[in-house]
């Protein structure tokens, strides 16, 4: 207002609710969300969602609720994969260099670049 630029009223482009607190699955068929004052909102889940969430290794993290979509984010512990090797590539206009723990190869591109330009 000091600079003379009119301000705009903020508005929500899309109404949604995102929360990572106070939600629980009741028997893998109903999502229960706390609404305050010991009240709960219960939303039934479809068969596919129930089948996916029946895995006991899944842990609920958060959910997002819009007018037509319910998204549930879950995490799962997985086994660590051991790295068997690494490789690197460095490329620029004149050459490409590839290397891993045992070999390094350089490919010269000067002739190739100059033949395209002419």
C-alpha atoms as a PDB file:
ATOM      1  CA  UNK A   1       0.000   0.000   0.000  1.00  0.00           C
ATOM      2  CA  UNK A   2       2.953   2.325   0.645  1.00  0.00           C
ATOM      3  CA  UNK A   3       4.120   2.030  -2.956  1.00  0.00           C
ATOM      4  CA  UNK A   4       0.661   2.585  -4.376  1.00  0.00           C
ATOM      5  CA  UNK A   5       0.332  -0.972  -5.724  1.00  0.00           C
ATOM      6  CA  UNK A   6      -3.073  -2.444  -4.959  1.00  0.00           C
ATOM      7  CA  UNK A   7      -2.933  -5.758  -3.106  1.00  0.00           C
ATOM      8  CA  UNK A   8      -4.873  -8.838  -4.097  1.00  0.00           C
ATOM      9  CA  UNK A   9      -6.966 -10.986  -1.831  1.00  0.00           C
ATOM     10  CA  UNK A  10      -5.430 -14.453  -1.388  1.00  0.00           C
ATOM     11  CA  UNK A  11      -7.511 -17.410  -2.482  1.00  0.00           C
ATOM     12  CA  UNK A  12      -7.107 -21.150  -2.699  1.00  0.00           C
ATOM     13  CA  UNK A  13      -6.874 -22.402  -6.266  1.00  0.00           C
ATOM     14  CA  UNK A  14      -7.916 -25.908  -5.267  1.00  0.00           C
ATOM     15  CA  UNK A  15      -9.361 -26.826  -1.918  1.00  0.00           C
ATOM     16  CA  UNK A  16      -7.421 -29.613  -0.244  1.00  0.00           C
ATOM     17  CA  UNK A  17      -6.497 -30.941   3.152  1.00  0.00           C
ATOM     18  CA  UNK A  18      -3.065 -32.443   3.821  1.00  0.00           C
ATOM     19  CA  UNK A  19      -2.164 -33.924   7.157  1.00  0.00           C
ATOM     20  CA  UNK A  20       0.360 -36.282   8.671  1.00  0.00           C
ATOM     21  CA  UNK A  21      -1.279 -36.315  12.104  1.00  0.00           C
ATOM     22  CA  UNK A  22      -4.250 -38.123  13.599  1.00  0.00           C
ATOM     23  CA  UNK A  23      -5.188 -40.618  10.929  1.00  0.00           C
ATOM     24  CA  UNK A  24      -5.475 -44.362  11.206  1.00  0.00           C
ATOM     25  CA  UNK A  25      -6.620 -47.332   9.167  1.00  0.00           C
ATOM     26  CA  UNK A  26      -9.411 -49.317  10.769  1.00  0.00           C
ATOM     27  CA  UNK A  27      -9.142 -52.897   9.556  1.00  0.00           C
ATOM     28  CA  UNK A  28      -7.647 -51.810   6.196  1.00  0.00           C
ATOM     29  CA  UNK A  29     -11.112 -50.816   4.977  1.00  0.00           C
ATOM     30  CA  UNK A  30     -11.768 -47.408   6.568  1.00  0.00           C
ATOM     31  CA  UNK A  31      -9.539 -44.347   6.889  1.00  0.00           C
ATOM     32  CA  UNK A  32     -10.246 -42.585  10.191  1.00  0.00           C
ATOM     33  CA  UNK A  33      -9.293 -38.901  10.522  1.00  0.00           C
ATOM     34  CA  UNK A  34      -9.530 -36.977  13.786  1.00  0.00           C
ATOM     35  CA  UNK A  35     -11.631 -33.821  13.450  1.00  0.00           C
ATOM     36  CA  UNK A  36     -11.223 -32.502  17.004  1.00  0.00           C
ATOM     37  CA  UNK A  37     -13.297 -32.723  20.185  1.00  0.00           C
ATOM     38  CA  UNK A  38     -12.946 -36.519  20.045  1.00  0.00           C
ATOM     39  CA  UNK A  39     -14.769 -36.637  16.726  1.00  0.00           C
ATOM     40  CA  UNK A  40     -13.697 -38.654  13.705  1.00  0.00           C
ATOM     41  CA  UNK A  41     -14.383 -38.645   9.993  1.00  0.00           C
ATOM     42  CA  UNK A  42     -14.482 -42.151   8.522  1.00  0.00           C
ATOM     43  CA  UNK A  43     -13.906 -42.684   4.789  1.00  0.00           C
ATOM     44  CA  UNK A  44     -14.367 -46.123   3.177  1.00  0.00           C
ATOM     45  CA  UNK A  45     -11.557 -47.356   0.932  1.00  0.00           C
ATOM     46  CA  UNK A  46     -12.042 -49.242  -2.333  1.00  0.00           C
ATOM     47  CA  UNK A  47     -11.028 -52.887  -2.771  1.00  0.00           C
ATOM     48  CA  UNK A  48      -7.737 -52.173  -4.576  1.00  0.00           C
ATOM     49  CA  UNK A  49      -6.599 -49.761  -1.860  1.00  0.00           C
ATOM     50  CA  UNK A  50      -7.546 -52.288   0.800  1.00  0.00           C
ATOM     51  CA  UNK A  51      -5.454 -54.991  -0.923  1.00  0.00           C
ATOM     52  CA  UNK A  52      -2.412 -52.714  -1.193  1.00  0.00           C
ATOM     53  CA  UNK A  53      -2.688 -51.518   2.403  1.00  0.00           C
ATOM     54  CA  UNK A  54      -3.079 -55.056   3.781  1.00  0.00           C
ATOM     55  CA  UNK A  55       0.741 -55.361   3.718  1.00  0.00           C
ATOM     56  CA  UNK A  56       1.819 -55.174   7.398  1.00  0.00           C
ATOM     57  CA  UNK A  57       5.195 -53.639   6.433  1.00  0.00           C
ATOM     58  CA  UNK A  58       3.534 -50.402   5.260  1.00  0.00           C
ATOM     59  CA  UNK A  59       3.477 -47.432   7.640  1.00  0.00           C
ATOM     60  CA  UNK A  60       1.110 -44.523   7.074  1.00  0.00           C
ATOM     61  CA  UNK A  61       2.826 -41.153   6.712  1.00  0.00           C
ATOM     62  CA  UNK A  62       0.342 -38.593   5.383  1.00  0.00           C
ATOM     63  CA  UNK A  63      -2.799 -38.130   3.361  1.00  0.00           C
ATOM     64  CA  UNK A  64      -4.209 -35.470   1.029  1.00  0.00           C
ATOM     65  CA  UNK A  65      -7.932 -35.049   0.534  1.00  0.00           C
ATOM     66  CA  UNK A  66      -9.483 -33.013  -2.296  1.00  0.00           C
ATOM     67  CA  UNK A  67     -13.052 -32.814  -3.524  1.00  0.00           C
ATOM     68  CA  UNK A  68     -12.647 -35.965  -5.634  1.00  0.00           C
ATOM     69  CA  UNK A  69      -9.350 -37.650  -4.654  1.00  0.00           C
ATOM     70  CA  UNK A  70      -7.869 -39.205  -1.532  1.00  0.00           C
ATOM     71  CA  UNK A  71      -4.077 -39.766  -1.696  1.00  0.00           C
ATOM     72  CA  UNK A  72      -2.388 -41.784   1.028  1.00  0.00           C
ATOM     73  CA  UNK A  73       1.411 -41.762   1.399  1.00  0.00           C
ATOM     74  CA  UNK A  74       3.033 -44.782   2.986  1.00  0.00           C
ATOM     75  CA  UNK A  75       6.584 -45.894   3.654  1.00  0.00           C
ATOM     76  CA  UNK A  76       8.080 -49.364   3.674  1.00  0.00           C
ATOM     77  CA  UNK A  77      11.412 -50.685   4.884  1.00  0.00           C
ATOM     78  CA  UNK A  78      13.384 -52.296   2.073  1.00  0.00           C
ATOM     79  CA  UNK A  79      16.608 -54.247   1.976  1.00  0.00           C
ATOM     80  CA  UNK A  80      19.718 -52.252   1.206  1.00  0.00           C
ATOM     81  CA  UNK A  81      21.229 -53.019  -2.187  1.00  0.00           C
ATOM     82  CA  UNK A  82      24.995 -53.372  -2.194  1.00  0.00           C
ATOM     83  CA  UNK A  83      26.773 -51.504  -4.966  1.00  0.00           C
ATOM     84  CA  UNK A  84      28.941 -53.763  -7.126  1.00  0.00           C
ATOM     85  CA  UNK A  85      30.710 -51.015  -9.042  1.00  0.00           C
ATOM     86  CA  UNK A  86      30.609 -47.440 -10.245  1.00  0.00           C
ATOM     87  CA  UNK A  87      31.311 -45.711 -13.523  1.00  0.00           C
ATOM     88  CA  UNK A  88      31.602 -42.118 -14.637  1.00  0.00           C
ATOM     89  CA  UNK A  89      31.286 -40.250 -17.917  1.00  0.00           C
ATOM     90  CA  UNK A  90      32.742 -36.818 -18.674  1.00  0.00           C
ATOM     91  CA  UNK A  91      31.812 -35.267 -21.970  1.00  0.00           C
ATOM     92  CA  UNK A  92      32.542 -31.976 -23.611  1.00  0.00           C
ATOM     93  CA  UNK A  93      32.871 -30.615 -27.128  1.00  0.00           C
ATOM     94  CA  UNK A  94      36.244 -32.212 -27.873  1.00  0.00           C
ATOM     95  CA  UNK A  95      36.204 -35.585 -26.118  1.00  0.00           C
ATOM     96  CA  UNK A  96      34.334 -38.155 -24.056  1.00  0.00           C
ATOM     97  CA  UNK A  97      36.012 -39.883 -21.123  1.00  0.00           C
ATOM     98  CA  UNK A  98      34.582 -43.012 -19.529  1.00  0.00           C
ATOM     99  CA  UNK A  99      36.049 -44.536 -16.405  1.00  0.00           C
ATOM    100  CA  UNK A 100      35.392 -47.110 -13.730  1.00  0.00           C
ATOM    101  CA  UNK A 101      37.541 -48.594 -10.978  1.00  0.00           C
ATOM    102  CA  UNK A 102      39.834 -50.440 -13.375  1.00  0.00           C
ATOM    103  CA  UNK A 103      39.889 -48.708 -16.777  1.00  0.00           C
ATOM    104  CA  UNK A 104      39.676 -45.242 -18.290  1.00  0.00           C
ATOM    105  CA  UNK A 105      38.858 -44.718 -21.965  1.00  0.00           C
ATOM    106  CA  UNK A 106      39.082 -41.438 -23.842  1.00  0.00           C
ATOM    107  CA  UNK A 107      37.382 -40.874 -27.188  1.00  0.00           C
ATOM    108  CA  UNK A 108      38.654 -37.935 -29.229  1.00  0.00           C
ATOM    109  CA  UNK A 109      35.914 -36.002 -31.037  1.00  0.00           C
ATOM    110  CA  UNK A 110      37.977 -33.194 -32.588  1.00  0.00           C
ATOM    111  CA  UNK A 111      37.909 -34.670 -36.104  1.00  0.00           C
ATOM    112  CA  UNK A 112      34.225 -35.516 -35.822  1.00  0.00           C
ATOM    113  CA  UNK A 113      33.297 -32.002 -34.604  1.00  0.00           C
ATOM    114  CA  UNK A 114      35.356 -30.252 -37.241  1.00  0.00           C
ATOM    115  CA  UNK A 115      33.940 -32.387 -40.085  1.00  0.00           C
ATOM    116  CA  UNK A 116      30.381 -31.452 -39.085  1.00  0.00           C
ATOM    117  CA  UNK A 117      31.171 -27.739 -38.904  1.00  0.00           C
ATOM    118  CA  UNK A 118      32.708 -27.621 -42.390  1.00  0.00           C
END
